[in-house]
Every structure is written in C-alpha cells, then in structure tokens.
Amino acid sequence: MTVKRAAARSARLIPLLFGALLFALLGWLFLRNRTADPRTREQTISLKDRSSHMVAAAAVAEHRSVGDTRAAPSPHELLMPVAGVDHRTLHDSFSETRGGTRRHEALDILAPRGTPVLAADDGVVRKLFTSVPGGLTVYEFDLEERYCYYYAHLDGYAPGLHEGQLLRKGDLVGYVGTTGNAPKDTPHLHFAVSRLDPDKKWWTGTPINPYPLLVKAP
C-alpha cells in the first residue's frame, strides 16, 4: 500500500517539475529577446549618454567655481576719460592695426589740445612714464589691483601728479596732446585697459577693449 502511494505521489510531481522547467525556459527566452531588441539598447545608451553629460557639466561648473581666470569679472563702470566727449562719437579702433601689423589694442579719443583727461576709475597712480611711442603717459591701477588704465600722448600732467597718488573717478590726470608718435595735427587720448597678471607689472597684462566699457559711460 505504501509503495503504491509513493508511486502515485511521484506521478503527480513529474508534471509539476516539467511545468516549472518550461516556465523558467520561457522566462529566459523573453529576457534574451528583450535585451537583443535595438530599441532597448538605444534606451540604455541614451541613459548612459545623459549620465555622462551630467557628470561633465558638473565638472565644468566645479572648475569655474574654483577660480577660472577666463571668467574674471569685467572692470568697474568707467567714466569717460576725456572731458566733454560724447560716447556716441567714439570709434572702436581696438582691433585695428598700426604700423602695418601691430594691433592697436586701445581707443583713440579725439579732443582739442589741452582738454582735461580724467581718471576713468578710482585707483592709484602706479607709474608716470615718458616713452617714444606714448609720449607722456600715466599708468593707473584700480583699487583692487585687478586692472590697469593707460593714458598716453598727454600734453602735460595735472599739477602735482605723482606716483602712489590716490585718484578718485573724475580727478584730473593731465591734458590731451600729441606727445610720442601721435600725429601732430590730431590731438587725442590713447586710452587702454588691461587685466593685470599675477605679478602686477604695469607694462604687461591682457588687453581689454575699452570701447564697450565707454559707450555706456556717463
């Protein structure tokens, strides 16, 4: 009697085992086909690409946040450095060439000889210098020593002007002239702006176009 019961139990288990194996086989085939589906692969790649772009964007943002010098702020709002000049009369000569190949990298502001030249920003007179091309010149550093303002071809300095002198925006620096290599019949101020290098040398730096800074100057 016991043998018959065991045989009957085994007979019932066999179909269950086959059913389980068949279910497992069908499930494996389904997963295999889904993985091979091109649409599924494209979705997986797309997710990976998006993840990579997000990581790259985060890395760029982190790099900028720790002091990328190319993202340095612009100079302060500047005052027109020649008294009485309307910004609408300015001509952007920053990218023009002088002497055939030399870039101008400055702005020529035409005005009658003797017109007052004014400090474009608060700062300190770093250097008074006489050169062959620039004539009588003034190098002014802003108060944070991030930028240098260069005034050239002056006809003369303001009375008592000296190196180390504190200047306030609008203070008299000198007078428009034609010293240096300026055409004698075209008095003007040669005005340049540069971002200072870490060594803070007045004769070096990265030129910045003054034109867009002055077209909105008061």
N, C-alpha and C. Protein backbone atom coordinates (compact mmCIF):
# COMPACT_ATOMS: atom_id res chain seq x y z
N MET A 1 0.84 -1.20 0.00
CA MET A 1 0.00 0.00 0.00
C MET A 1 0.88 1.25 0.00
N THR A 2 1.96 1.15 0.78
CA THR A 2 2.88 2.29 0.87
C THR A 2 3.57 2.52 -0.45
N VAL A 3 3.96 1.46 -1.14
CA VAL A 3 4.63 1.56 -2.44
C VAL A 3 3.72 2.22 -3.46
N LYS A 4 2.45 1.83 -3.44
CA LYS A 4 1.50 2.43 -4.39
C LYS A 4 1.35 3.93 -4.16
N ARG A 5 1.30 4.32 -2.86
CA ARG A 5 1.16 5.76 -2.56
C ARG A 5 2.38 6.56 -3.04
N ALA A 6 3.56 5.99 -2.85
CA ALA A 6 4.78 6.68 -3.27
C ALA A 6 4.81 6.84 -4.78
N ALA A 7 4.38 5.77 -5.49
CA ALA A 7 4.37 5.85 -6.96
C ALA A 7 3.39 6.91 -7.44
N ALA A 8 2.24 6.99 -6.78
CA ALA A 8 1.23 7.97 -7.17
C ALA A 8 1.74 9.39 -6.93
N ARG A 9 2.45 9.56 -5.77
CA ARG A 9 2.97 10.88 -5.47
C ARG A 9 4.02 11.29 -6.51
N SER A 10 4.88 10.36 -6.90
CA SER A 10 5.90 10.66 -7.91
C SER A 10 5.26 11.03 -9.24
N ALA A 11 4.19 10.33 -9.58
CA ALA A 11 3.50 10.61 -10.84
C ALA A 11 2.92 12.02 -10.85
N ARG A 12 2.50 12.53 -9.67
CA ARG A 12 1.95 13.88 -9.61
C ARG A 12 3.04 14.94 -9.66
N LEU A 13 4.24 14.60 -9.13
CA LEU A 13 5.33 15.56 -9.10
C LEU A 13 5.95 15.80 -10.47
N ILE A 14 5.94 14.76 -11.31
CA ILE A 14 6.60 14.88 -12.62
C ILE A 14 6.01 16.00 -13.46
N PRO A 15 4.69 16.13 -13.61
CA PRO A 15 4.13 17.25 -14.39
C PRO A 15 4.47 18.61 -13.79
N LEU A 16 4.53 18.69 -12.43
CA LEU A 16 4.87 19.96 -11.80
C LEU A 16 6.30 20.38 -12.11
N LEU A 17 7.21 19.38 -12.10
CA LEU A 17 8.60 19.68 -12.42
C LEU A 17 8.75 20.14 -13.86
N PHE A 18 8.08 19.45 -14.77
CA PHE A 18 8.13 19.86 -16.18
C PHE A 18 7.56 21.26 -16.37
N GLY A 19 6.46 21.55 -15.64
CA GLY A 19 5.86 22.87 -15.75
C GLY A 19 6.81 23.97 -15.28
N ALA A 20 7.51 23.70 -14.18
CA ALA A 20 8.45 24.68 -13.65
C ALA A 20 9.60 24.92 -14.62
N LEU A 21 10.12 23.82 -15.19
CA LEU A 21 11.21 23.96 -16.16
C LEU A 21 10.76 24.73 -17.40
N LEU A 22 9.54 24.44 -17.87
CA LEU A 22 9.02 25.13 -19.03
C LEU A 22 8.85 26.62 -18.76
N PHE A 23 8.36 26.97 -17.56
CA PHE A 23 8.19 28.38 -17.20
C PHE A 23 9.53 29.10 -17.14
N ALA A 24 10.53 28.45 -16.57
CA ALA A 24 11.86 29.05 -16.50
C ALA A 24 12.45 29.27 -17.88
N LEU A 25 12.25 28.30 -18.78
CA LEU A 25 12.75 28.41 -20.14
C LEU A 25 12.10 29.57 -20.89
N LEU A 26 10.78 29.68 -20.75
CA LEU A 26 10.08 30.78 -21.42
C LEU A 26 10.54 32.14 -20.88
N GLY A 27 10.74 32.24 -19.57
CA GLY A 27 11.22 33.49 -18.99
C GLY A 27 12.60 33.86 -19.51
N TRP A 28 13.50 32.89 -19.64
CA TRP A 28 14.85 33.16 -20.15
C TRP A 28 14.81 33.64 -21.59
N LEU A 29 13.93 33.00 -22.41
CA LEU A 29 13.80 33.41 -23.81
C LEU A 29 13.27 34.84 -23.92
N PHE A 30 12.33 35.19 -23.07
CA PHE A 30 11.77 36.54 -23.10
C PHE A 30 12.83 37.60 -22.77
N LEU A 31 13.61 37.34 -21.72
CA LEU A 31 14.67 38.29 -21.34
C LEU A 31 15.73 38.40 -22.41
N ARG A 32 16.05 37.29 -23.05
CA ARG A 32 17.06 37.31 -24.10
C ARG A 32 16.59 38.14 -25.29
N ASN A 33 15.32 37.97 -25.68
CA ASN A 33 14.79 38.73 -26.82
C ASN A 33 14.72 40.22 -26.50
N ARG A 34 14.38 40.56 -25.27
CA ARG A 34 14.26 41.98 -24.90
C ARG A 34 15.63 42.66 -24.91
N THR A 35 16.65 41.96 -24.45
CA THR A 35 18.00 42.51 -24.45
C THR A 35 18.50 42.72 -25.86
N ALA A 36 18.10 41.83 -26.77
CA ALA A 36 18.55 41.92 -28.15
C ALA A 36 17.78 42.97 -28.94
N ASP A 37 16.67 43.49 -28.41
CA ASP A 37 15.85 44.48 -29.11
C ASP A 37 16.64 45.77 -29.28
N PRO A 38 16.82 46.29 -30.49
CA PRO A 38 17.60 47.52 -30.72
C PRO A 38 17.05 48.71 -29.94
N ARG A 39 15.72 48.77 -29.81
CA ARG A 39 15.13 49.89 -29.09
C ARG A 39 15.57 49.89 -27.64
N THR A 40 15.67 48.69 -27.05
CA THR A 40 16.10 48.61 -25.66
C THR A 40 17.55 49.05 -25.53
N ARG A 41 18.41 48.63 -26.49
CA ARG A 41 19.81 49.02 -26.45
C ARG A 41 19.95 50.54 -26.60
N GLU A 42 19.13 51.15 -27.49
CA GLU A 42 19.20 52.58 -27.68
C GLU A 42 18.81 53.32 -26.41
N GLN A 43 17.78 52.80 -25.72
CA GLN A 43 17.37 53.44 -24.48
C GLN A 43 18.46 53.37 -23.44
N THR A 44 19.16 52.22 -23.37
CA THR A 44 20.25 52.05 -22.41
C THR A 44 21.39 53.00 -22.72
N ILE A 45 21.77 53.11 -24.01
CA ILE A 45 22.85 54.01 -24.42
C ILE A 45 22.47 55.45 -24.14
N SER A 46 21.20 55.80 -24.42
CA SER A 46 20.75 57.16 -24.19
C SER A 46 20.88 57.54 -22.72
N LEU A 47 20.52 56.63 -21.84
CA LEU A 47 20.64 56.88 -20.41
C LEU A 47 22.09 57.07 -20.00
N LYS A 48 22.99 56.26 -20.59
CA LYS A 48 24.41 56.39 -20.28
C LYS A 48 24.95 57.74 -20.76
N ASP A 49 24.52 58.15 -21.98
CA ASP A 49 24.98 59.43 -22.52
C ASP A 49 24.53 60.59 -21.64
N ARG A 50 23.26 60.54 -21.22
CA ARG A 50 22.76 61.61 -20.37
C ARG A 50 23.54 61.68 -19.07
N SER A 51 23.85 60.51 -18.52
CA SER A 51 24.61 60.46 -17.28
C SER A 51 26.00 61.06 -17.47
N SER A 52 26.65 60.74 -18.61
CA SER A 52 27.99 61.27 -18.89
C SER A 52 27.96 62.78 -19.03
N HIS A 53 26.92 63.30 -19.74
CA HIS A 53 26.81 64.75 -19.92
C HIS A 53 26.61 65.45 -18.59
N MET A 54 25.83 64.83 -17.71
CA MET A 54 25.59 65.44 -16.40
C MET A 54 26.88 65.50 -15.58
N VAL A 55 27.68 64.42 -15.64
CA VAL A 55 28.95 64.40 -14.92
C VAL A 55 29.90 65.47 -15.47
N ALA A 56 29.96 65.58 -16.82
CA ALA A 56 30.84 66.57 -17.45
C ALA A 56 30.43 67.98 -17.07
N ALA A 57 29.12 68.26 -17.11
CA ALA A 57 28.63 69.59 -16.77
C ALA A 57 28.97 69.95 -15.33
N ALA A 58 28.84 68.95 -14.43
CA ALA A 58 29.17 69.19 -13.03
C ALA A 58 30.66 69.49 -12.86
N ALA A 59 31.50 68.80 -13.63
CA ALA A 59 32.95 69.03 -13.55
C ALA A 59 33.30 70.43 -14.03
N VAL A 60 32.66 70.91 -15.13
CA VAL A 60 32.92 72.26 -15.63
C VAL A 60 32.50 73.30 -14.61
N ALA A 61 31.32 73.09 -14.01
CA ALA A 61 30.83 74.04 -13.02
C ALA A 61 31.78 74.11 -11.82
N GLU A 62 32.30 72.94 -11.39
CA GLU A 62 33.22 72.92 -10.27
C GLU A 62 34.51 73.64 -10.63
N HIS A 63 34.99 73.44 -11.87
CA HIS A 63 36.22 74.09 -12.31
C HIS A 63 36.08 75.61 -12.31
N ARG A 64 34.93 76.09 -12.78
CA ARG A 64 34.70 77.53 -12.81
C ARG A 64 34.59 78.10 -11.42
N SER A 65 33.99 77.31 -10.50
CA SER A 65 33.76 77.83 -9.17
C SER A 65 35.03 78.00 -8.37
N VAL A 66 36.12 77.30 -8.76
CA VAL A 66 37.36 77.41 -8.00
C VAL A 66 38.31 78.43 -8.58
N GLY A 67 37.85 79.25 -9.56
CA GLY A 67 38.66 80.39 -9.98
C GLY A 67 39.23 80.32 -11.37
N ASP A 68 38.44 80.04 -12.34
CA ASP A 68 38.90 80.08 -13.72
C ASP A 68 39.13 81.55 -14.09
N THR A 69 40.38 81.90 -14.44
CA THR A 69 40.71 83.31 -14.71
C THR A 69 39.97 83.84 -15.91
N ARG A 70 39.55 82.95 -16.84
CA ARG A 70 38.83 83.44 -18.01
C ARG A 70 37.46 83.96 -17.64
N ALA A 71 36.98 83.59 -16.47
CA ALA A 71 35.67 84.07 -16.04
C ALA A 71 35.80 85.26 -15.08
N ALA A 72 36.95 85.89 -15.09
CA ALA A 72 37.17 87.03 -14.21
C ALA A 72 36.19 88.15 -14.52
N PRO A 73 35.77 88.91 -13.49
CA PRO A 73 34.79 89.97 -13.71
C PRO A 73 35.36 91.08 -14.58
N SER A 74 34.47 91.86 -15.20
CA SER A 74 34.87 92.98 -16.04
C SER A 74 35.27 94.16 -15.16
N PRO A 75 35.98 95.14 -15.73
CA PRO A 75 36.32 96.34 -14.96
C PRO A 75 35.07 97.04 -14.46
N HIS A 76 35.28 97.93 -13.50
CA HIS A 76 34.17 98.70 -12.96
C HIS A 76 33.54 99.57 -14.04
N GLU A 77 32.40 100.13 -13.71
CA GLU A 77 31.78 101.10 -14.63
C GLU A 77 32.71 102.31 -14.74
N LEU A 78 33.11 102.62 -15.96
CA LEU A 78 34.12 103.64 -16.17
C LEU A 78 33.50 104.99 -16.51
N LEU A 79 34.24 106.03 -16.17
CA LEU A 79 33.89 107.39 -16.56
C LEU A 79 34.60 107.71 -17.87
N MET A 80 33.94 108.49 -18.74
CA MET A 80 34.61 108.94 -19.96
C MET A 80 35.88 109.70 -19.56
N PRO A 81 37.06 109.25 -20.02
CA PRO A 81 38.30 109.86 -19.53
C PRO A 81 38.69 111.19 -20.18
N VAL A 82 37.90 111.67 -21.12
CA VAL A 82 38.17 112.98 -21.72
C VAL A 82 36.93 113.86 -21.50
N ALA A 83 37.14 114.99 -20.87
CA ALA A 83 36.02 115.86 -20.51
C ALA A 83 35.25 116.33 -21.74
N GLY A 84 33.92 116.27 -21.64
CA GLY A 84 33.06 116.80 -22.68
C GLY A 84 32.85 115.92 -23.89
N VAL A 85 33.41 114.72 -23.93
CA VAL A 85 33.27 113.84 -25.10
C VAL A 85 31.99 113.02 -24.97
N ASP A 86 31.22 113.00 -26.04
CA ASP A 86 30.00 112.19 -26.11
C ASP A 86 30.38 110.79 -26.56
N HIS A 87 29.93 109.78 -25.82
CA HIS A 87 30.29 108.39 -26.15
C HIS A 87 29.82 108.00 -27.55
N ARG A 88 28.82 108.69 -28.08
CA ARG A 88 28.32 108.35 -29.42
C ARG A 88 29.30 108.75 -30.53
N THR A 89 30.29 109.54 -30.19
CA THR A 89 31.28 109.95 -31.20
C THR A 89 32.50 109.02 -31.22
N LEU A 90 32.53 108.05 -30.33
CA LEU A 90 33.69 107.15 -30.27
C LEU A 90 33.73 106.20 -31.45
N HIS A 91 34.93 105.83 -31.82
CA HIS A 91 35.16 104.84 -32.89
C HIS A 91 35.97 103.69 -32.31
N ASP A 92 35.49 102.47 -32.49
CA ASP A 92 36.17 101.30 -31.94
C ASP A 92 37.40 100.97 -32.80
N SER A 93 38.57 101.33 -32.29
CA SER A 93 39.81 101.08 -33.03
C SER A 93 40.67 100.00 -32.38
N PHE A 94 40.08 99.25 -31.45
CA PHE A 94 40.85 98.27 -30.67
C PHE A 94 41.54 97.24 -31.56
N SER A 95 40.85 96.72 -32.57
CA SER A 95 41.39 95.65 -33.40
C SER A 95 42.10 96.15 -34.65
N GLU A 96 42.14 97.45 -34.83
CA GLU A 96 42.84 98.00 -35.99
C GLU A 96 44.35 97.82 -35.85
N THR A 97 45.04 97.90 -36.97
CA THR A 97 46.50 97.76 -36.94
C THR A 97 47.17 99.12 -37.05
N ARG A 98 48.35 99.19 -36.47
CA ARG A 98 49.17 100.40 -36.54
C ARG A 98 50.56 99.96 -37.02
N GLY A 99 51.13 100.70 -37.94
CA GLY A 99 52.45 100.36 -38.45
C GLY A 99 52.48 99.08 -39.25
N GLY A 100 51.34 98.70 -39.82
CA GLY A 100 51.29 97.52 -40.69
C GLY A 100 50.77 96.27 -40.02
N THR A 101 51.37 95.86 -38.89
CA THR A 101 50.98 94.59 -38.28
C THR A 101 50.62 94.72 -36.80
N ARG A 102 51.05 95.76 -36.13
CA ARG A 102 50.82 95.88 -34.69
C ARG A 102 49.36 96.24 -34.41
N ARG A 103 48.73 95.45 -33.54
CA ARG A 103 47.35 95.74 -33.15
C ARG A 103 47.32 96.94 -32.21
N HIS A 104 46.31 97.76 -32.40
CA HIS A 104 46.19 98.99 -31.61
C HIS A 104 45.92 98.68 -30.14
N GLU A 105 44.93 97.83 -29.87
CA GLU A 105 44.57 97.37 -28.53
C GLU A 105 44.32 98.54 -27.57
N ALA A 106 43.70 99.59 -28.10
CA ALA A 106 43.37 100.77 -27.30
C ALA A 106 42.30 101.55 -28.03
N LEU A 107 41.91 102.66 -27.43
CA LEU A 107 40.90 103.52 -28.03
C LEU A 107 41.47 104.92 -28.15
N ASP A 108 41.37 105.52 -29.33
CA ASP A 108 41.80 106.91 -29.53
C ASP A 108 40.58 107.81 -29.37
N ILE A 109 40.66 108.72 -28.39
CA ILE A 109 39.55 109.63 -28.11
C ILE A 109 39.99 111.03 -28.52
N LEU A 110 39.45 111.50 -29.65
CA LEU A 110 39.86 112.81 -30.19
C LEU A 110 39.22 113.96 -29.41
N ALA A 111 40.04 114.99 -29.19
CA ALA A 111 39.57 116.19 -28.50
C ALA A 111 40.59 117.30 -28.72
N PRO A 112 40.19 118.54 -28.58
CA PRO A 112 41.13 119.65 -28.76
C PRO A 112 42.31 119.56 -27.77
N ARG A 113 43.46 120.01 -28.21
CA ARG A 113 44.64 120.02 -27.35
C ARG A 113 44.33 120.78 -26.05
N GLY A 114 44.77 120.21 -24.96
CA GLY A 114 44.56 120.85 -23.67
C GLY A 114 43.27 120.44 -22.97
N THR A 115 42.43 119.64 -23.63
CA THR A 115 41.20 119.17 -22.98
C THR A 115 41.56 118.32 -21.76
N PRO A 116 40.89 118.51 -20.63
CA PRO A 116 41.24 117.74 -19.43
C PRO A 116 41.04 116.23 -19.64
N VAL A 117 42.02 115.46 -19.17
CA VAL A 117 41.94 114.00 -19.13
C VAL A 117 41.64 113.61 -17.69
N LEU A 118 40.60 112.80 -17.50
CA LEU A 118 40.09 112.49 -16.17
C LEU A 118 40.30 111.01 -15.84
N ALA A 119 40.44 110.72 -14.55
CA ALA A 119 40.57 109.33 -14.11
C ALA A 119 39.28 108.59 -14.43
N ALA A 120 39.41 107.48 -15.13
CA ALA A 120 38.23 106.70 -15.53
C ALA A 120 37.66 105.88 -14.38
N ASP A 121 38.46 105.69 -13.33
CA ASP A 121 38.04 104.85 -12.20
C ASP A 121 38.83 105.27 -10.97
N ASP A 122 38.32 104.90 -9.80
CA ASP A 122 39.11 105.07 -8.58
C ASP A 122 40.37 104.22 -8.69
N GLY A 123 41.50 104.74 -8.25
CA GLY A 123 42.72 103.95 -8.33
C GLY A 123 43.93 104.68 -7.79
N VAL A 124 45.10 104.16 -8.15
CA VAL A 124 46.37 104.70 -7.69
C VAL A 124 47.29 104.88 -8.89
N VAL A 125 47.99 106.03 -8.94
CA VAL A 125 48.97 106.25 -10.00
C VAL A 125 50.15 105.30 -9.75
N ARG A 126 50.28 104.31 -10.60
CA ARG A 126 51.35 103.34 -10.42
C ARG A 126 52.65 103.78 -11.09
N LYS A 127 52.52 104.45 -12.26
CA LYS A 127 53.73 104.83 -12.98
C LYS A 127 53.47 106.04 -13.86
N LEU A 128 54.40 107.03 -13.78
CA LEU A 128 54.46 108.12 -14.75
C LEU A 128 55.66 107.82 -15.64
N PHE A 129 55.42 107.80 -16.93
CA PHE A 129 56.48 107.32 -17.82
C PHE A 129 56.45 108.09 -19.13
N THR A 130 57.65 108.40 -19.64
CA THR A 130 57.77 109.04 -20.95
C THR A 130 58.39 108.04 -21.91
N SER A 131 57.67 107.74 -23.00
CA SER A 131 58.16 106.75 -23.96
C SER A 131 58.12 107.33 -25.36
N VAL A 132 58.87 106.71 -26.27
CA VAL A 132 58.89 107.17 -27.66
C VAL A 132 57.52 107.05 -28.30
N PRO A 133 56.82 105.91 -28.17
CA PRO A 133 55.50 105.84 -28.83
C PRO A 133 54.40 106.56 -28.07
N GLY A 134 54.41 106.49 -26.73
CA GLY A 134 53.29 107.03 -25.95
C GLY A 134 53.46 108.44 -25.48
N GLY A 135 54.69 108.97 -25.54
CA GLY A 135 54.91 110.32 -25.03
C GLY A 135 54.74 110.35 -23.52
N LEU A 136 54.07 111.39 -23.02
CA LEU A 136 53.78 111.46 -21.58
C LEU A 136 52.63 110.50 -21.27
N THR A 137 52.89 109.57 -20.36
CA THR A 137 51.88 108.53 -20.08
C THR A 137 51.65 108.40 -18.58
N VAL A 138 50.49 107.85 -18.25
CA VAL A 138 50.12 107.55 -16.87
C VAL A 138 49.57 106.13 -16.83
N TYR A 139 50.05 105.34 -15.87
CA TYR A 139 49.51 104.00 -15.61
C TYR A 139 48.80 104.05 -14.26
N GLU A 140 47.50 103.79 -14.28
CA GLU A 140 46.70 103.79 -13.05
C GLU A 140 46.19 102.38 -12.78
N PHE A 141 46.39 101.88 -11.55
CA PHE A 141 45.81 100.60 -11.13
C PHE A 141 44.50 100.89 -10.40
N ASP A 142 43.49 100.04 -10.61
CA ASP A 142 42.28 100.18 -9.81
C ASP A 142 42.60 99.79 -8.36
N LEU A 143 41.70 100.06 -7.44
CA LEU A 143 41.99 99.87 -6.02
C LEU A 143 42.21 98.41 -5.65
N GLU A 144 41.61 97.48 -6.40
CA GLU A 144 41.81 96.05 -6.13
C GLU A 144 43.02 95.49 -6.86
N GLU A 145 43.69 96.33 -7.66
CA GLU A 145 44.84 95.93 -8.46
C GLU A 145 44.52 94.73 -9.36
N ARG A 146 43.37 94.83 -9.99
CA ARG A 146 43.00 93.82 -10.99
C ARG A 146 43.20 94.36 -12.41
N TYR A 147 43.08 95.68 -12.57
CA TYR A 147 43.12 96.29 -13.90
C TYR A 147 44.06 97.50 -13.90
N CYS A 148 44.61 97.75 -15.09
CA CYS A 148 45.46 98.91 -15.30
C CYS A 148 44.84 99.78 -16.38
N TYR A 149 44.79 101.09 -16.13
CA TYR A 149 44.29 102.06 -17.10
C TYR A 149 45.49 102.88 -17.59
N TYR A 150 45.60 103.01 -18.90
CA TYR A 150 46.77 103.63 -19.50
C TYR A 150 46.33 104.87 -20.28
N TYR A 151 46.91 106.00 -19.95
CA TYR A 151 46.62 107.28 -20.60
C TYR A 151 47.89 107.74 -21.31
N ALA A 152 47.81 107.99 -22.63
CA ALA A 152 49.03 108.31 -23.38
C ALA A 152 48.84 109.52 -24.30
N HIS A 153 49.96 110.04 -24.80
CA HIS A 153 50.05 111.22 -25.69
C HIS A 153 49.64 112.50 -24.97
N LEU A 154 49.80 112.52 -23.64
CA LEU A 154 49.38 113.70 -22.88
C LEU A 154 50.24 114.92 -23.22
N ASP A 155 49.59 116.06 -23.22
CA ASP A 155 50.30 117.32 -23.44
C ASP A 155 51.00 117.78 -22.16
N GLY A 156 50.47 117.30 -21.03
CA GLY A 156 51.08 117.61 -19.74
C GLY A 156 50.33 116.88 -18.64
N TYR A 157 50.97 116.77 -17.45
CA TYR A 157 50.34 116.14 -16.30
C TYR A 157 49.54 117.16 -15.48
N ALA A 158 48.61 116.65 -14.70
CA ALA A 158 47.92 117.52 -13.75
C ALA A 158 48.93 118.05 -12.74
N PRO A 159 48.78 119.28 -12.26
CA PRO A 159 49.73 119.84 -11.29
C PRO A 159 49.88 118.93 -10.07
N GLY A 160 51.13 118.60 -9.75
CA GLY A 160 51.40 117.80 -8.56
C GLY A 160 51.17 116.30 -8.72
N LEU A 161 50.78 115.83 -9.90
CA LEU A 161 50.54 114.40 -10.07
C LEU A 161 51.82 113.62 -9.79
N HIS A 162 51.71 112.53 -9.01
CA HIS A 162 52.90 111.75 -8.66
C HIS A 162 52.55 110.28 -8.47
N GLU A 163 53.56 109.45 -8.58
CA GLU A 163 53.36 108.01 -8.39
C GLU A 163 52.94 107.73 -6.95
N GLY A 164 52.00 106.81 -6.81
CA GLY A 164 51.45 106.48 -5.50
C GLY A 164 50.27 107.34 -5.10
N GLN A 165 49.92 108.32 -5.93
CA GLN A 165 48.81 109.22 -5.61
C GLN A 165 47.47 108.50 -5.78
N LEU A 166 46.59 108.69 -4.80
CA LEU A 166 45.24 108.15 -4.89
C LEU A 166 44.40 109.02 -5.80
N LEU A 167 43.72 108.40 -6.75
CA LEU A 167 42.83 109.10 -7.68
C LEU A 167 41.40 108.66 -7.44
N ARG A 168 40.52 109.62 -7.49
CA ARG A 168 39.09 109.31 -7.48
C ARG A 168 38.55 109.51 -8.90
N LYS A 169 37.55 108.73 -9.23
CA LYS A 169 36.96 108.82 -10.56
C LYS A 169 36.60 110.28 -10.87
N GLY A 170 37.12 110.79 -11.99
CA GLY A 170 36.86 112.16 -12.38
C GLY A 170 37.96 113.13 -12.00
N ASP A 171 38.96 112.69 -11.21
CA ASP A 171 40.09 113.57 -10.88
C ASP A 171 40.91 113.88 -12.13
N LEU A 172 41.51 115.05 -12.15
CA LEU A 172 42.34 115.46 -13.27
C LEU A 172 43.63 114.65 -13.31
N VAL A 173 43.91 114.08 -14.48
CA VAL A 173 45.13 113.30 -14.69
C VAL A 173 46.12 114.11 -15.52
N GLY A 174 45.64 114.77 -16.56
CA GLY A 174 46.51 115.53 -17.45
C GLY A 174 45.68 116.20 -18.53
N TYR A 175 46.32 116.41 -19.70
CA TYR A 175 45.65 117.14 -20.76
C TYR A 175 45.92 116.46 -22.11
N VAL A 176 44.91 116.47 -22.97
CA VAL A 176 45.03 115.86 -24.30
C VAL A 176 46.16 116.54 -25.07
N GLY A 177 46.95 115.73 -25.77
CA GLY A 177 48.05 116.29 -26.55
C GLY A 177 48.44 115.40 -27.71
N THR A 178 49.68 115.53 -28.14
CA THR A 178 50.19 114.76 -29.28
C THR A 178 51.62 114.28 -29.02
N THR A 179 52.01 114.15 -27.76
CA THR A 179 53.37 113.69 -27.48
C THR A 179 53.53 112.24 -27.93
N GLY A 180 54.79 111.83 -28.11
CA GLY A 180 55.05 110.49 -28.62
C GLY A 180 54.89 110.44 -30.12
N ASN A 181 54.35 109.35 -30.61
CA ASN A 181 54.21 109.18 -32.06
C ASN A 181 52.84 109.59 -32.59
N ALA A 182 52.08 110.35 -31.81
CA ALA A 182 50.76 110.81 -32.28
C ALA A 182 50.93 111.84 -33.39
N PRO A 183 50.07 111.81 -34.40
CA PRO A 183 50.13 112.85 -35.44
C PRO A 183 49.97 114.24 -34.82
N LYS A 184 50.84 115.16 -35.18
CA LYS A 184 50.86 116.46 -34.52
C LYS A 184 49.61 117.30 -34.76
N ASP A 185 48.87 116.97 -35.81
CA ASP A 185 47.65 117.71 -36.10
C ASP A 185 46.40 116.96 -35.62
N THR A 186 46.59 115.88 -34.84
CA THR A 186 45.43 115.10 -34.37
C THR A 186 45.57 114.83 -32.88
N PRO A 187 45.35 115.85 -32.05
CA PRO A 187 45.44 115.60 -30.61
C PRO A 187 44.36 114.62 -30.16
N HIS A 188 44.77 113.69 -29.31
CA HIS A 188 43.81 112.69 -28.82
C HIS A 188 44.40 112.00 -27.59
N LEU A 189 43.52 111.34 -26.84
CA LEU A 189 43.96 110.48 -25.74
C LEU A 189 43.99 109.04 -26.23
N HIS A 190 45.13 108.40 -26.08
CA HIS A 190 45.25 106.97 -26.33
C HIS A 190 44.93 106.30 -24.99
N PHE A 191 43.77 105.64 -24.92
CA PHE A 191 43.30 105.05 -23.65
C PHE A 191 43.23 103.54 -23.79
N ALA A 192 43.90 102.84 -22.88
CA ALA A 192 43.93 101.38 -22.92
C ALA A 192 43.59 100.81 -21.55
N VAL A 193 43.02 99.60 -21.56
CA VAL A 193 42.68 98.88 -20.33
C VAL A 193 43.27 97.48 -20.44
N SER A 194 43.87 97.00 -19.36
CA SER A 194 44.39 95.63 -19.36
C SER A 194 44.10 94.97 -18.02
N ARG A 195 43.89 93.65 -18.08
CA ARG A 195 43.75 92.87 -16.85
C ARG A 195 45.14 92.47 -16.39
N LEU A 196 45.49 92.81 -15.18
CA LEU A 196 46.84 92.60 -14.68
C LEU A 196 47.17 91.12 -14.51
N ASP A 197 48.44 90.79 -14.75
CA ASP A 197 48.95 89.46 -14.47
C ASP A 197 49.17 89.32 -12.96
N PRO A 198 49.37 88.09 -12.46
CA PRO A 198 49.59 87.93 -11.02
C PRO A 198 50.78 88.71 -10.47
N ASP A 199 51.80 88.99 -11.32
CA ASP A 199 52.97 89.74 -10.83
C ASP A 199 52.73 91.24 -10.78
N LYS A 200 51.57 91.72 -11.27
CA LYS A 200 51.17 93.13 -11.17
C LYS A 200 52.15 94.10 -11.83
N LYS A 201 52.75 93.70 -12.94
CA LYS A 201 53.64 94.61 -13.64
C LYS A 201 52.83 95.57 -14.50
N TRP A 202 53.17 96.85 -14.44
CA TRP A 202 52.36 97.85 -15.13
C TRP A 202 52.51 97.80 -16.64
N TRP A 203 53.58 97.21 -17.14
CA TRP A 203 53.81 97.17 -18.59
C TRP A 203 53.32 95.86 -19.23
N THR A 204 52.74 94.96 -18.46
CA THR A 204 52.20 93.71 -19.02
C THR A 204 50.73 93.56 -18.64
N GLY A 205 50.10 92.54 -19.17
CA GLY A 205 48.70 92.28 -18.86
C GLY A 205 47.95 91.85 -20.11
N THR A 206 46.68 91.53 -19.93
CA THR A 206 45.83 91.09 -21.04
C THR A 206 44.97 92.25 -21.51
N PRO A 207 45.13 92.72 -22.76
CA PRO A 207 44.35 93.87 -23.23
C PRO A 207 42.84 93.60 -23.23
N ILE A 208 42.10 94.60 -22.83
CA ILE A 208 40.63 94.56 -22.82
C ILE A 208 40.14 95.74 -23.65
N ASN A 209 39.18 95.49 -24.51
CA ASN A 209 38.66 96.56 -25.36
C ASN A 209 37.90 97.60 -24.52
N PRO A 210 38.37 98.86 -24.51
CA PRO A 210 37.67 99.88 -23.71
C PRO A 210 36.36 100.35 -24.33
N TYR A 211 36.19 100.11 -25.63
CA TYR A 211 35.04 100.70 -26.32
C TYR A 211 33.71 100.31 -25.67
N PRO A 212 33.42 99.00 -25.49
CA PRO A 212 32.11 98.67 -24.88
C PRO A 212 31.99 99.15 -23.44
N LEU A 213 33.10 99.45 -22.78
CA LEU A 213 33.04 99.95 -21.43
C LEU A 213 32.73 101.44 -21.38
N LEU A 214 33.05 102.13 -22.48
CA LEU A 214 32.87 103.58 -22.53
C LEU A 214 31.62 104.03 -23.27
N VAL A 215 31.06 103.19 -24.13
CA VAL A 215 29.86 103.61 -24.86
C VAL A 215 28.67 103.78 -23.91
N LYS A 216 28.80 103.20 -22.71
CA LYS A 216 27.74 103.39 -21.71
C LYS A 216 28.23 104.26 -20.55
N ALA A 217 29.40 104.88 -20.72
CA ALA A 217 29.95 105.70 -19.64
C ALA A 217 29.17 107.00 -19.50
N PRO A 218 29.06 107.53 -18.29
CA PRO A 218 28.35 108.80 -18.09
C PRO A 218 29.15 109.98 -18.65
